[in-house]
Amino acid sequence: MDTMVILFSLGASFLIAVLLGPLFIPLLRRMKFGQQIRTDGPQSHLKKSGTPTMGGIIIMLALLISFLKFSDKTADFWVLLTASVGFGLVGFLDDYIKIVFKRSLGLTARQKLFGQLLFSIIVCAELYNMNHSTLITIPGTSWDFDLGWFYYPFVVIILFGSSNAVNFTDGLDGLLSGTSAIAFGAFTILALQVSEHESAIFSAAMVGAVLGFLIFNAHPAKVFMGDTGSLGIGGGIAAVAILTKMEILLVIVGGVFVLEMLSVILQVGSFKLRGKRIFKMSPIHHHFELSGWSEWRVVTTFWSVGLVLAVIGLLLGL
């Protein structure tokens, strides 16, 4: 029965996303919700200016409708909903400000930090109320240790790190849609393995939603997901890792996201300390673009790396 529900959840969200695309994309275009391209980014991206953004609304709606239909509305349901929709709402406000004020930056760093912290605290409260285990397990071993009260700051770090890492990954047509589908696919299997029913349904619904969106987001993209999608995806995958007690494994399954975030940290740190850049541009997918790789080659290579890491994660987690 679980397998059938999972398949229905995935199929429903995929179909909803495919149906919503032709409705939302023209609407976003008419409302002039076009992407503002960074002037300091790759020059080849300037032609993408004006492409409708905030397409993450399609992902979040498809996810929500499917998840609401097939979930059991347990305590896990509310954690997943808070993390994905809450962080997605922060992203929505960020996107909206970018569009209204016609600038590449939306919310200030402090405003975005406050929004992410607010929903992280709500998630922590929900976990506390459901007596969620504060044990941390080392993947591939029988080792675990109890963080006690320190587990809740750890949860905040996971939510912040995941949402921002996923956000950094959203820079090329189809890059995040494909890598997130792979990562959530792995977590669907892992959640089933540990009988985390709600997490499995949520992960499957997200796979369907981002794959349906990918039809419109693959190169050349007809729509971008914006922070609405990327922050919602990042918050959602962090919540799944927390509920399945695979917090550490997220670093492997979501290894592409980690790589993207580390490239930004290293680039900024190197420039501030040494006055030199490590990469031609960060996040690292831009480095490969500026090295002469086609956008499609970068995307498919990162998908392949994501698939390998997902398989490694499955081998360690099953």
C-alpha atoms as a PDB file:
ATOM      1  CA  MET A   1       0.000   0.000   0.000  1.00  0.00           C
ATOM      2  CA  ASP A   2       2.840   2.419   0.864  1.00  0.00           C
ATOM      3  CA  THR A   3       4.401   1.941  -2.561  1.00  0.00           C
ATOM      4  CA  MET A   4       1.138   2.687  -4.362  1.00  0.00           C
ATOM      5  CA  VAL A   5       0.543   5.829  -2.301  1.00  0.00           C
ATOM      6  CA  ILE A   6       4.099   6.960  -3.052  1.00  0.00           C
ATOM      7  CA  LEU A   7       3.596   6.447  -6.787  1.00  0.00           C
ATOM      8  CA  PHE A   8       0.241   8.231  -6.726  1.00  0.00           C
ATOM      9  CA  SER A   9       1.784  11.131  -4.814  1.00  0.00           C
ATOM     10  CA  LEU A  10       4.612  11.445  -7.337  1.00  0.00           C
ATOM     11  CA  GLY A  11       2.322  11.081 -10.345  1.00  0.00           C
ATOM     12  CA  ALA A  12      -0.246  13.560  -9.047  1.00  0.00           C
ATOM     13  CA  SER A  13       2.294  16.297  -8.307  1.00  0.00           C
ATOM     14  CA  PHE A  14       3.957  15.766 -11.684  1.00  0.00           C
ATOM     15  CA  LEU A  15       0.644  16.061 -13.524  1.00  0.00           C
ATOM     16  CA  ILE A  16      -0.394  19.137 -11.526  1.00  0.00           C
ATOM     17  CA  ALA A  17       2.917  20.880 -12.266  1.00  0.00           C
ATOM     18  CA  VAL A  18       2.616  20.079 -15.970  1.00  0.00           C
ATOM     19  CA  LEU A  19      -0.924  21.484 -16.028  1.00  0.00           C
ATOM     20  CA  LEU A  20      -0.048  24.591 -13.995  1.00  0.00           C
ATOM     21  CA  GLY A  21       2.924  25.542 -16.184  1.00  0.00           C
ATOM     22  CA  PRO A  22       0.929  26.736 -19.236  1.00  0.00           C
ATOM     23  CA  LEU A  23      -1.392  28.669 -16.901  1.00  0.00           C
ATOM     24  CA  PHE A  24       1.190  30.392 -14.712  1.00  0.00           C
ATOM     25  CA  ILE A  25       3.983  31.140 -17.188  1.00  0.00           C
ATOM     26  CA  PRO A  26       1.885  33.447 -19.446  1.00  0.00           C
ATOM     27  CA  LEU A  27       0.430  35.063 -16.310  1.00  0.00           C
ATOM     28  CA  LEU A  28       3.901  35.765 -14.907  1.00  0.00           C
ATOM     29  CA  ARG A  29       4.927  37.174 -18.291  1.00  0.00           C
ATOM     30  CA  ARG A  30       1.881  39.471 -18.460  1.00  0.00           C
ATOM     31  CA  MET A  31       2.566  40.689 -14.932  1.00  0.00           C
ATOM     32  CA  LYS A  32       6.154  41.399 -16.044  1.00  0.00           C
ATOM     33  CA  PHE A  33       7.540  39.119 -13.349  1.00  0.00           C
ATOM     34  CA  GLY A  34      10.809  38.782 -15.243  1.00  0.00           C
ATOM     35  CA  GLN A  35      14.186  37.758 -13.848  1.00  0.00           C
ATOM     36  CA  GLN A  36      16.720  40.525 -13.191  1.00  0.00           C
ATOM     37  CA  ILE A  37      20.096  39.111 -14.298  1.00  0.00           C
ATOM     38  CA  ARG A  38      23.274  39.951 -12.349  1.00  0.00           C
ATOM     39  CA  THR A  39      25.445  42.283 -14.404  1.00  0.00           C
ATOM     40  CA  ASP A  40      28.567  40.725 -12.865  1.00  0.00           C
ATOM     41  CA  GLY A  41      27.517  37.213 -13.895  1.00  0.00           C
ATOM     42  CA  PRO A  42      28.366  35.339 -17.103  1.00  0.00           C
ATOM     43  CA  GLN A  43      27.620  37.583 -20.078  1.00  0.00           C
ATOM     44  CA  SER A  44      25.815  34.709 -21.813  1.00  0.00           C
ATOM     45  CA  HIS A  45      23.113  34.968 -19.130  1.00  0.00           C
ATOM     46  CA  LEU A  46      22.135  38.524 -20.039  1.00  0.00           C
ATOM     47  CA  LYS A  47      19.890  37.192 -22.800  1.00  0.00           C
ATOM     48  CA  LYS A  48      17.834  35.476 -20.086  1.00  0.00           C
ATOM     49  CA  SER A  49      16.776  38.828 -18.658  1.00  0.00           C
ATOM     50  CA  GLY A  50      13.005  39.090 -18.580  1.00  0.00           C
ATOM     51  CA  THR A  51      12.402  35.333 -18.462  1.00  0.00           C
ATOM     52  CA  PRO A  52       9.481  34.812 -16.046  1.00  0.00           C
ATOM     53  CA  THR A  53      10.568  33.947 -12.509  1.00  0.00           C
ATOM     54  CA  MET A  54       8.714  32.937  -9.317  1.00  0.00           C
ATOM     55  CA  GLY A  55       7.926  29.658 -11.077  1.00  0.00           C
ATOM     56  CA  GLY A  56       8.560  28.054  -7.700  1.00  0.00           C
ATOM     57  CA  ILE A  57       4.867  28.765  -7.106  1.00  0.00           C
ATOM     58  CA  ILE A  58       4.169  25.936  -9.561  1.00  0.00           C
ATOM     59  CA  ILE A  59       6.406  23.572  -7.591  1.00  0.00           C
ATOM     60  CA  MET A  60       4.964  24.508  -4.220  1.00  0.00           C
ATOM     61  CA  LEU A  61       1.348  24.285  -5.368  1.00  0.00           C
ATOM     62  CA  ALA A  62       1.878  20.891  -7.015  1.00  0.00           C
ATOM     63  CA  LEU A  63       3.662  19.652  -3.888  1.00  0.00           C
ATOM     64  CA  LEU A  64       1.004  20.957  -1.528  1.00  0.00           C
ATOM     65  CA  ILE A  65      -1.996  19.609  -3.419  1.00  0.00           C
ATOM     66  CA  SER A  66      -0.471  16.146  -3.711  1.00  0.00           C
ATOM     67  CA  PHE A  67       0.880  16.060  -0.153  1.00  0.00           C
ATOM     68  CA  LEU A  68      -2.414  17.252   1.326  1.00  0.00           C
ATOM     69  CA  LYS A  69      -4.248  14.566  -0.614  1.00  0.00           C
ATOM     70  CA  PHE A  70      -2.068  11.571   0.243  1.00  0.00           C
ATOM     71  CA  SER A  71      -0.566  12.383   3.667  1.00  0.00           C
ATOM     72  CA  ASP A  72      -1.996  11.269   7.007  1.00  0.00           C
ATOM     73  CA  LYS A  73      -1.726  14.737   8.643  1.00  0.00           C
ATOM     74  CA  THR A  74       0.451  13.473  11.519  1.00  0.00           C
ATOM     75  CA  ALA A  75       2.929  15.600  13.500  1.00  0.00           C
ATOM     76  CA  ASP A  76       5.510  14.922  10.794  1.00  0.00           C
ATOM     77  CA  PHE A  77       3.164  16.520   8.275  1.00  0.00           C
ATOM     78  CA  TRP A  78       3.308  19.864  10.068  1.00  0.00           C
ATOM     79  CA  VAL A  79       7.099  19.824  10.335  1.00  0.00           C
ATOM     80  CA  LEU A  80       7.420  19.180   6.604  1.00  0.00           C
ATOM     81  CA  LEU A  81       4.827  21.815   5.783  1.00  0.00           C
ATOM     82  CA  THR A  82       6.422  24.459   8.027  1.00  0.00           C
ATOM     83  CA  ALA A  83       9.913  23.886   6.630  1.00  0.00           C
ATOM     84  CA  SER A  84       8.962  23.817   2.948  1.00  0.00           C
ATOM     85  CA  VAL A  85       6.135  26.349   2.804  1.00  0.00           C
ATOM     86  CA  GLY A  86       7.686  28.604   5.459  1.00  0.00           C
ATOM     87  CA  PHE A  87      11.035  28.880   3.720  1.00  0.00           C
ATOM     88  CA  GLY A  88       9.223  29.081   0.378  1.00  0.00           C
ATOM     89  CA  LEU A  89       7.283  32.078   1.701  1.00  0.00           C
ATOM     90  CA  VAL A  90      10.546  33.825   2.615  1.00  0.00           C
ATOM     91  CA  GLY A  91      11.712  33.136  -0.928  1.00  0.00           C
ATOM     92  CA  PHE A  92       8.444  34.443  -2.354  1.00  0.00           C
ATOM     93  CA  LEU A  93       8.858  37.763  -0.529  1.00  0.00           C
ATOM     94  CA  ASP A  94      12.447  37.951  -1.765  1.00  0.00           C
ATOM     95  CA  ASP A  95      11.362  37.323  -5.364  1.00  0.00           C
ATOM     96  CA  TYR A  96       8.487  39.776  -5.149  1.00  0.00           C
ATOM     97  CA  ILE A  97      10.714  42.604  -3.920  1.00  0.00           C
ATOM     98  CA  LYS A  98      13.255  41.891  -6.676  1.00  0.00           C
ATOM     99  CA  ILE A  99      10.537  42.141  -9.312  1.00  0.00           C
ATOM    100  CA  VAL A 100       8.675  45.152  -7.921  1.00  0.00           C
ATOM    101  CA  PHE A 101      11.833  47.205  -7.433  1.00  0.00           C
ATOM    102  CA  LYS A 102      13.539  45.837 -10.572  1.00  0.00           C
ATOM    103  CA  ARG A 103      16.752  44.828  -8.844  1.00  0.00           C
ATOM    104  CA  SER A 104      18.787  41.621  -8.551  1.00  0.00           C
ATOM    105  CA  LEU A 105      18.653  41.668  -4.724  1.00  0.00           C
ATOM    106  CA  GLY A 106      15.383  41.344  -2.811  1.00  0.00           C
ATOM    107  CA  LEU A 107      15.145  41.058   0.966  1.00  0.00           C
ATOM    108  CA  THR A 108      18.084  42.396   2.904  1.00  0.00           C
ATOM    109  CA  ALA A 109      20.377  39.792   4.488  1.00  0.00           C
ATOM    110  CA  ARG A 110      18.939  40.641   7.909  1.00  0.00           C
ATOM    111  CA  GLN A 111      15.327  40.307   6.731  1.00  0.00           C
ATOM    112  CA  LYS A 112      15.990  36.958   5.055  1.00  0.00           C
ATOM    113  CA  LEU A 113      17.852  35.759   8.148  1.00  0.00           C
ATOM    114  CA  PHE A 114      14.914  36.726  10.365  1.00  0.00           C
ATOM    115  CA  GLY A 115      12.422  34.865   8.160  1.00  0.00           C
ATOM    116  CA  GLN A 116      14.526  31.710   8.041  1.00  0.00           C
ATOM    117  CA  LEU A 117      15.166  31.870  11.791  1.00  0.00           C
ATOM    118  CA  LEU A 118      11.458  32.319  12.532  1.00  0.00           C
ATOM    119  CA  PHE A 119      10.403  29.187  10.659  1.00  0.00           C
ATOM    120  CA  SER A 120      13.408  27.248  11.996  1.00  0.00           C
ATOM    121  CA  ILE A 121      12.272  28.026  15.560  1.00  0.00           C
ATOM    122  CA  ILE A 122       8.737  26.880  14.722  1.00  0.00           C
ATOM    123  CA  VAL A 123      10.149  23.602  13.350  1.00  0.00           C
ATOM    124  CA  CYS A 124      12.183  23.143  16.550  1.00  0.00           C
ATOM    125  CA  ALA A 125       9.053  23.709  18.655  1.00  0.00           C
ATOM    126  CA  GLU A 126       7.144  21.137  16.615  1.00  0.00           C
ATOM    127  CA  LEU A 127       9.970  18.606  16.999  1.00  0.00           C
ATOM    128  CA  TYR A 128      10.071  19.191  20.749  1.00  0.00           C
ATOM    129  CA  ASN A 129       6.310  18.744  21.098  1.00  0.00           C
ATOM    130  CA  MET A 130       6.424  15.416  19.231  1.00  0.00           C
ATOM    131  CA  ASN A 131       9.339  14.172  21.380  1.00  0.00           C
ATOM    132  CA  HIS A 132      11.563  13.817  18.343  1.00  0.00           C
ATOM    133  CA  SER A 133      14.791  11.958  19.095  1.00  0.00           C
ATOM    134  CA  THR A 134      17.863  14.097  19.673  1.00  0.00           C
ATOM    135  CA  LEU A 135      20.193  11.245  18.727  1.00  0.00           C
ATOM    136  CA  ILE A 136      22.572  11.703  15.790  1.00  0.00           C
ATOM    137  CA  THR A 137      23.645   8.648  13.799  1.00  0.00           C
ATOM    138  CA  ILE A 138      26.863   8.342  11.796  1.00  0.00           C
ATOM    139  CA  PRO A 139      26.024   6.936   8.310  1.00  0.00           C
ATOM    140  CA  GLY A 140      27.368   3.454   7.563  1.00  0.00           C
ATOM    141  CA  THR A 141      28.096   2.742  11.239  1.00  0.00           C
ATOM    142  CA  SER A 142      26.235   1.754  14.387  1.00  0.00           C
ATOM    143  CA  TRP A 143      27.562   4.838  16.175  1.00  0.00           C
ATOM    144  CA  ASP A 144      25.189   7.430  17.547  1.00  0.00           C
ATOM    145  CA  PHE A 145      25.296  10.105  20.215  1.00  0.00           C
ATOM    146  CA  ASP A 146      22.736  12.274  21.948  1.00  0.00           C
ATOM    147  CA  LEU A 147      23.018  16.032  21.473  1.00  0.00           C
ATOM    148  CA  GLY A 148      20.324  16.761  24.043  1.00  0.00           C
ATOM    149  CA  TRP A 149      19.306  20.421  23.954  1.00  0.00           C
ATOM    150  CA  PHE A 150      22.108  21.161  21.513  1.00  0.00           C
ATOM    151  CA  TYR A 151      20.106  19.236  18.924  1.00  0.00           C
ATOM    152  CA  TYR A 152      17.798  22.217  18.351  1.00  0.00           C
ATOM    153  CA  PRO A 153      20.556  24.682  17.360  1.00  0.00           C
ATOM    154  CA  PHE A 154      21.812  21.824  15.169  1.00  0.00           C
ATOM    155  CA  VAL A 155      18.391  21.691  13.470  1.00  0.00           C
ATOM    156  CA  VAL A 156      18.538  25.445  12.842  1.00  0.00           C
ATOM    157  CA  ILE A 157      21.983  25.026  11.247  1.00  0.00           C
ATOM    158  CA  ILE A 158      20.684  22.211   9.014  1.00  0.00           C
ATOM    159  CA  LEU A 159      17.708  24.264   7.858  1.00  0.00           C
ATOM    160  CA  PHE A 160      19.820  27.367   7.227  1.00  0.00           C
ATOM    161  CA  GLY A 161      22.606  25.447   5.533  1.00  0.00           C
ATOM    162  CA  SER A 162      20.329  23.362   3.343  1.00  0.00           C
ATOM    163  CA  SER A 163      18.099  26.219   2.185  1.00  0.00           C
ATOM    164  CA  ASN A 164      21.045  28.458   1.324  1.00  0.00           C
ATOM    165  CA  ALA A 165      23.059  25.674  -0.319  1.00  0.00           C
ATOM    166  CA  VAL A 166      20.093  24.744  -2.513  1.00  0.00           C
ATOM    167  CA  ASN A 167      19.569  28.429  -3.287  1.00  0.00           C
ATOM    168  CA  PHE A 168      23.173  28.744  -4.528  1.00  0.00           C
ATOM    169  CA  THR A 169      22.606  25.751  -6.826  1.00  0.00           C
ATOM    170  CA  ASP A 170      19.770  27.474  -8.673  1.00  0.00           C
ATOM    171  CA  GLY A 171      21.826  29.265 -11.314  1.00  0.00           C
ATOM    172  CA  LEU A 172      21.488  27.348 -14.587  1.00  0.00           C
ATOM    173  CA  ASP A 173      18.509  26.090 -16.577  1.00  0.00           C
ATOM    174  CA  GLY A 174      17.320  22.833 -15.038  1.00  0.00           C
ATOM    175  CA  LEU A 175      20.285  22.471 -12.658  1.00  0.00           C
ATOM    176  CA  LEU A 176      18.378  22.596  -9.379  1.00  0.00           C
ATOM    177  CA  SER A 177      15.254  20.903 -10.751  1.00  0.00           C
ATOM    178  CA  GLY A 178      17.287  17.844 -11.774  1.00  0.00           C
ATOM    179  CA  THR A 179      19.597  17.625  -8.760  1.00  0.00           C
ATOM    180  CA  SER A 180      16.739  18.083  -6.288  1.00  0.00           C
ATOM    181  CA  ALA A 181      14.665  15.397  -8.034  1.00  0.00           C
ATOM    182  CA  ILE A 182      17.583  12.978  -7.629  1.00  0.00           C
ATOM    183  CA  ALA A 183      18.141  13.873  -3.968  1.00  0.00           C
ATOM    184  CA  PHE A 184      14.448  13.631  -3.069  1.00  0.00           C
ATOM    185  CA  GLY A 185      14.216  10.355  -4.979  1.00  0.00           C
ATOM    186  CA  ALA A 186      16.926   8.921  -2.743  1.00  0.00           C
ATOM    187  CA  PHE A 187      15.187  10.210   0.375  1.00  0.00           C
ATOM    188  CA  THR A 188      11.900   8.661  -0.773  1.00  0.00           C
ATOM    189  CA  ILE A 189      13.567   5.242  -0.685  1.00  0.00           C
ATOM    190  CA  LEU A 190      15.401   5.967   2.579  1.00  0.00           C
ATOM    191  CA  ALA A 191      12.213   7.214   4.262  1.00  0.00           C
ATOM    192  CA  LEU A 192      10.362   4.057   3.237  1.00  0.00           C
ATOM    193  CA  GLN A 193      13.221   1.983   4.641  1.00  0.00           C
ATOM    194  CA  VAL A 194      12.826   3.535   8.110  1.00  0.00           C
ATOM    195  CA  SER A 195       8.998   3.617   7.893  1.00  0.00           C
ATOM    196  CA  GLU A 196       8.781   7.421   7.820  1.00  0.00           C
ATOM    197  CA  HIS A 197       5.543   7.383   5.851  1.00  0.00           C
ATOM    198  CA  GLU A 198       4.915  11.133   5.703  1.00  0.00           C
ATOM    199  CA  SER A 199       8.501  11.915   4.690  1.00  0.00           C
ATOM    200  CA  ALA A 200       8.326   9.335   1.907  1.00  0.00           C
ATOM    201  CA  ILE A 201       5.070  10.800   0.551  1.00  0.00           C
ATOM    202  CA  PHE A 202       6.445  14.339   0.796  1.00  0.00           C
ATOM    203  CA  SER A 203       9.696  13.387  -0.965  1.00  0.00           C
ATOM    204  CA  ALA A 204       7.837  11.597  -3.757  1.00  0.00           C
ATOM    205  CA  ALA A 205       5.501  14.578  -4.191  1.00  0.00           C
ATOM    206  CA  MET A 206       8.524  16.865  -4.453  1.00  0.00           C
ATOM    207  CA  VAL A 207      10.121  14.597  -7.067  1.00  0.00           C
ATOM    208  CA  GLY A 208       6.979  14.806  -9.181  1.00  0.00           C
ATOM    209  CA  ALA A 209       6.661  18.570  -8.707  1.00  0.00           C
ATOM    210  CA  VAL A 210      10.250  19.414  -9.713  1.00  0.00           C
ATOM    211  CA  LEU A 211      10.214  16.976 -12.648  1.00  0.00           C
ATOM    212  CA  GLY A 212       6.985  18.536 -13.899  1.00  0.00           C
ATOM    213  CA  PHE A 213       8.574  21.963 -13.516  1.00  0.00           C
ATOM    214  CA  LEU A 214      11.709  20.748 -15.312  1.00  0.00           C
ATOM    215  CA  ILE A 215       9.688  20.425 -18.509  1.00  0.00           C
ATOM    216  CA  PHE A 216       9.478  24.231 -18.562  1.00  0.00           C
ATOM    217  CA  ASN A 217      12.804  24.906 -16.821  1.00  0.00           C
ATOM    218  CA  ALA A 218      15.143  22.786 -18.983  1.00  0.00           C
ATOM    219  CA  HIS A 219      17.470  24.707 -21.316  1.00  0.00           C
ATOM    220  CA  PRO A 220      16.377  27.042 -22.770  1.00  0.00           C
ATOM    221  CA  ALA A 221      14.226  27.783 -19.735  1.00  0.00           C
ATOM    222  CA  LYS A 222      10.762  29.226 -20.225  1.00  0.00           C
ATOM    223  CA  VAL A 223      10.542  30.006 -16.502  1.00  0.00           C
ATOM    224  CA  PHE A 224      12.815  30.175 -13.448  1.00  0.00           C
ATOM    225  CA  MET A 225      11.791  28.927 -10.006  1.00  0.00           C
ATOM    226  CA  GLY A 226      13.324  31.859  -8.100  1.00  0.00           C
ATOM    227  CA  ASP A 227      13.884  31.820  -4.354  1.00  0.00           C
ATOM    228  CA  THR A 228      10.258  30.754  -3.917  1.00  0.00           C
ATOM    229  CA  GLY A 229      11.227  27.344  -5.224  1.00  0.00           C
ATOM    230  CA  SER A 230      14.835  27.031  -4.116  1.00  0.00           C
ATOM    231  CA  LEU A 231      14.284  28.002  -0.472  1.00  0.00           C
ATOM    232  CA  GLY A 232      11.156  25.834  -0.306  1.00  0.00           C
ATOM    233  CA  ILE A 233      13.066  22.866  -1.713  1.00  0.00           C
ATOM    234  CA  GLY A 234      15.992  23.472   0.657  1.00  0.00           C
ATOM    235  CA  GLY A 235      13.767  23.702   3.714  1.00  0.00           C
ATOM    236  CA  GLY A 236      11.842  20.620   2.629  1.00  0.00           C
ATOM    237  CA  ILE A 237      14.843  18.347   2.110  1.00  0.00           C
ATOM    238  CA  ALA A 238      16.306  19.438   5.460  1.00  0.00           C
ATOM    239  CA  ALA A 239      13.036  18.529   7.196  1.00  0.00           C
ATOM    240  CA  VAL A 240      13.011  15.091   5.544  1.00  0.00           C
ATOM    241  CA  ALA A 241      16.604  14.447   6.677  1.00  0.00           C
ATOM    242  CA  ILE A 242      15.701  15.505  10.232  1.00  0.00           C
ATOM    243  CA  LEU A 243      12.556  13.359  10.461  1.00  0.00           C
ATOM    244  CA  THR A 244      14.276  10.283   9.020  1.00  0.00           C
ATOM    245  CA  LYS A 245      17.231  10.804  11.414  1.00  0.00           C
ATOM    246  CA  MET A 246      19.586  11.084   8.446  1.00  0.00           C
ATOM    247  CA  GLU A 247      20.844  14.575   9.174  1.00  0.00           C
ATOM    248  CA  ILE A 248      24.475  13.668   8.477  1.00  0.00           C
ATOM    249  CA  LEU A 249      23.561  11.659   5.379  1.00  0.00           C
ATOM    250  CA  LEU A 250      22.059  14.821   3.875  1.00  0.00           C
ATOM    251  CA  VAL A 251      25.621  16.065   3.341  1.00  0.00           C
ATOM    252  CA  ILE A 252      26.211  13.111   0.997  1.00  0.00           C
ATOM    253  CA  VAL A 253      22.825  12.825  -0.732  1.00  0.00           C
ATOM    254  CA  GLY A 254      22.771  16.609  -1.173  1.00  0.00           C
ATOM    255  CA  GLY A 255      26.485  16.708  -1.942  1.00  0.00           C
ATOM    256  CA  VAL A 256      26.035  18.897  -5.032  1.00  0.00           C
ATOM    257  CA  PHE A 257      24.340  21.542  -2.877  1.00  0.00           C
ATOM    258  CA  VAL A 258      27.169  21.324  -0.341  1.00  0.00           C
ATOM    259  CA  LEU A 259      29.747  21.707  -3.116  1.00  0.00           C
ATOM    260  CA  GLU A 260      27.987  24.814  -4.425  1.00  0.00           C
ATOM    261  CA  MET A 261      27.865  26.422  -0.981  1.00  0.00           C
ATOM    262  CA  LEU A 262      31.485  25.543  -0.167  1.00  0.00           C
ATOM    263  CA  SER A 263      32.635  27.108  -3.435  1.00  0.00           C
ATOM    264  CA  VAL A 264      31.013  30.398  -2.411  1.00  0.00           C
ATOM    265  CA  ILE A 265      32.495  30.261   1.106  1.00  0.00           C
ATOM    266  CA  LEU A 266      35.981  29.466  -0.223  1.00  0.00           C
ATOM    267  CA  GLN A 267      35.759  32.150  -2.902  1.00  0.00           C
ATOM    268  CA  VAL A 268      34.702  34.869  -0.472  1.00  0.00           C
ATOM    269  CA  GLY A 269      37.170  33.751   2.194  1.00  0.00           C
ATOM    270  CA  SER A 270      40.086  33.599  -0.225  1.00  0.00           C
ATOM    271  CA  PHE A 271      39.323  37.029  -1.657  1.00  0.00           C
ATOM    272  CA  LYS A 272      39.034  38.646   1.768  1.00  0.00           C
ATOM    273  CA  LEU A 273      42.154  36.976   3.206  1.00  0.00           C
ATOM    274  CA  ARG A 274      44.443  36.870   0.168  1.00  0.00           C
ATOM    275  CA  GLY A 275      42.858  39.244  -2.309  1.00  0.00           C
ATOM    276  CA  LYS A 276      42.717  36.359  -4.804  1.00  0.00           C
ATOM    277  CA  ARG A 277      39.886  34.252  -6.196  1.00  0.00           C
ATOM    278  CA  ILE A 278      40.030  30.461  -6.303  1.00  0.00           C
ATOM    279  CA  PHE A 279      37.400  30.083  -9.027  1.00  0.00           C
ATOM    280  CA  LYS A 280      36.671  32.193 -12.079  1.00  0.00           C
ATOM    281  CA  MET A 281      33.259  32.768 -10.511  1.00  0.00           C
ATOM    282  CA  SER A 282      31.193  31.223  -7.760  1.00  0.00           C
ATOM    283  CA  PRO A 283      28.988  29.284  -7.239  1.00  0.00           C
ATOM    284  CA  ILE A 284      31.165  26.686  -8.916  1.00  0.00           C
ATOM    285  CA  HIS A 285      28.784  25.960 -11.814  1.00  0.00           C
ATOM    286  CA  HIS A 286      29.676  29.416 -13.168  1.00  0.00           C
ATOM    287  CA  HIS A 287      33.384  28.516 -12.989  1.00  0.00           C
ATOM    288  CA  PHE A 288      32.825  25.682 -15.450  1.00  0.00           C
ATOM    289  CA  GLU A 289      30.737  27.936 -17.695  1.00  0.00           C
ATOM    290  CA  LEU A 290      33.530  30.493 -17.845  1.00  0.00           C
ATOM    291  CA  SER A 291      35.985  27.664 -18.521  1.00  0.00           C
ATOM    292  CA  GLY A 292      34.224  27.045 -21.838  1.00  0.00           C
ATOM    293  CA  TRP A 293      31.689  24.372 -20.912  1.00  0.00           C
ATOM    294  CA  SER A 294      28.234  24.719 -22.443  1.00  0.00           C
ATOM    295  CA  GLU A 295      25.393  25.297 -20.007  1.00  0.00           C
ATOM    296  CA  TRP A 296      23.878  21.925 -20.866  1.00  0.00           C
ATOM    297  CA  ARG A 297      27.200  20.156 -20.250  1.00  0.00           C
ATOM    298  CA  VAL A 298      27.529  21.745 -16.815  1.00  0.00           C
ATOM    299  CA  VAL A 299      23.966  20.814 -15.895  1.00  0.00           C
ATOM    300  CA  THR A 300      24.172  17.178 -17.033  1.00  0.00           C
ATOM    301  CA  THR A 301      27.558  16.754 -15.331  1.00  0.00           C
ATOM    302  CA  PHE A 302      26.157  18.049 -12.047  1.00  0.00           C
ATOM    303  CA  TRP A 303      23.122  15.779 -12.442  1.00  0.00           C
ATOM    304  CA  SER A 304      25.494  12.846 -12.891  1.00  0.00           C
ATOM    305  CA  VAL A 305      27.496  13.795  -9.801  1.00  0.00           C
ATOM    306  CA  GLY A 306      24.232  14.147  -7.872  1.00  0.00           C
ATOM    307  CA  LEU A 307      23.150  10.674  -8.999  1.00  0.00           C
ATOM    308  CA  VAL A 308      26.433   9.087  -7.902  1.00  0.00           C
ATOM    309  CA  LEU A 309      26.214  10.790  -4.498  1.00  0.00           C
ATOM    310  CA  ALA A 310      22.588   9.704  -4.111  1.00  0.00           C
ATOM    311  CA  VAL A 311      23.561   6.082  -4.788  1.00  0.00           C
ATOM    312  CA  ILE A 312      26.372   6.341  -2.218  1.00  0.00           C
ATOM    313  CA  GLY A 313      23.872   7.777   0.242  1.00  0.00           C
ATOM    314  CA  LEU A 314      21.484   4.887  -0.397  1.00  0.00           C
ATOM    315  CA  LEU A 315      24.260   2.333   0.114  1.00  0.00           C
ATOM    316  CA  LEU A 316      25.162   3.925   3.449  1.00  0.00           C
ATOM    317  CA  GLY A 317      21.579   4.473   4.587  1.00  0.00           C
ATOM    318  CA  LEU A 318      19.878   1.222   3.673  1.00  0.00           C
END
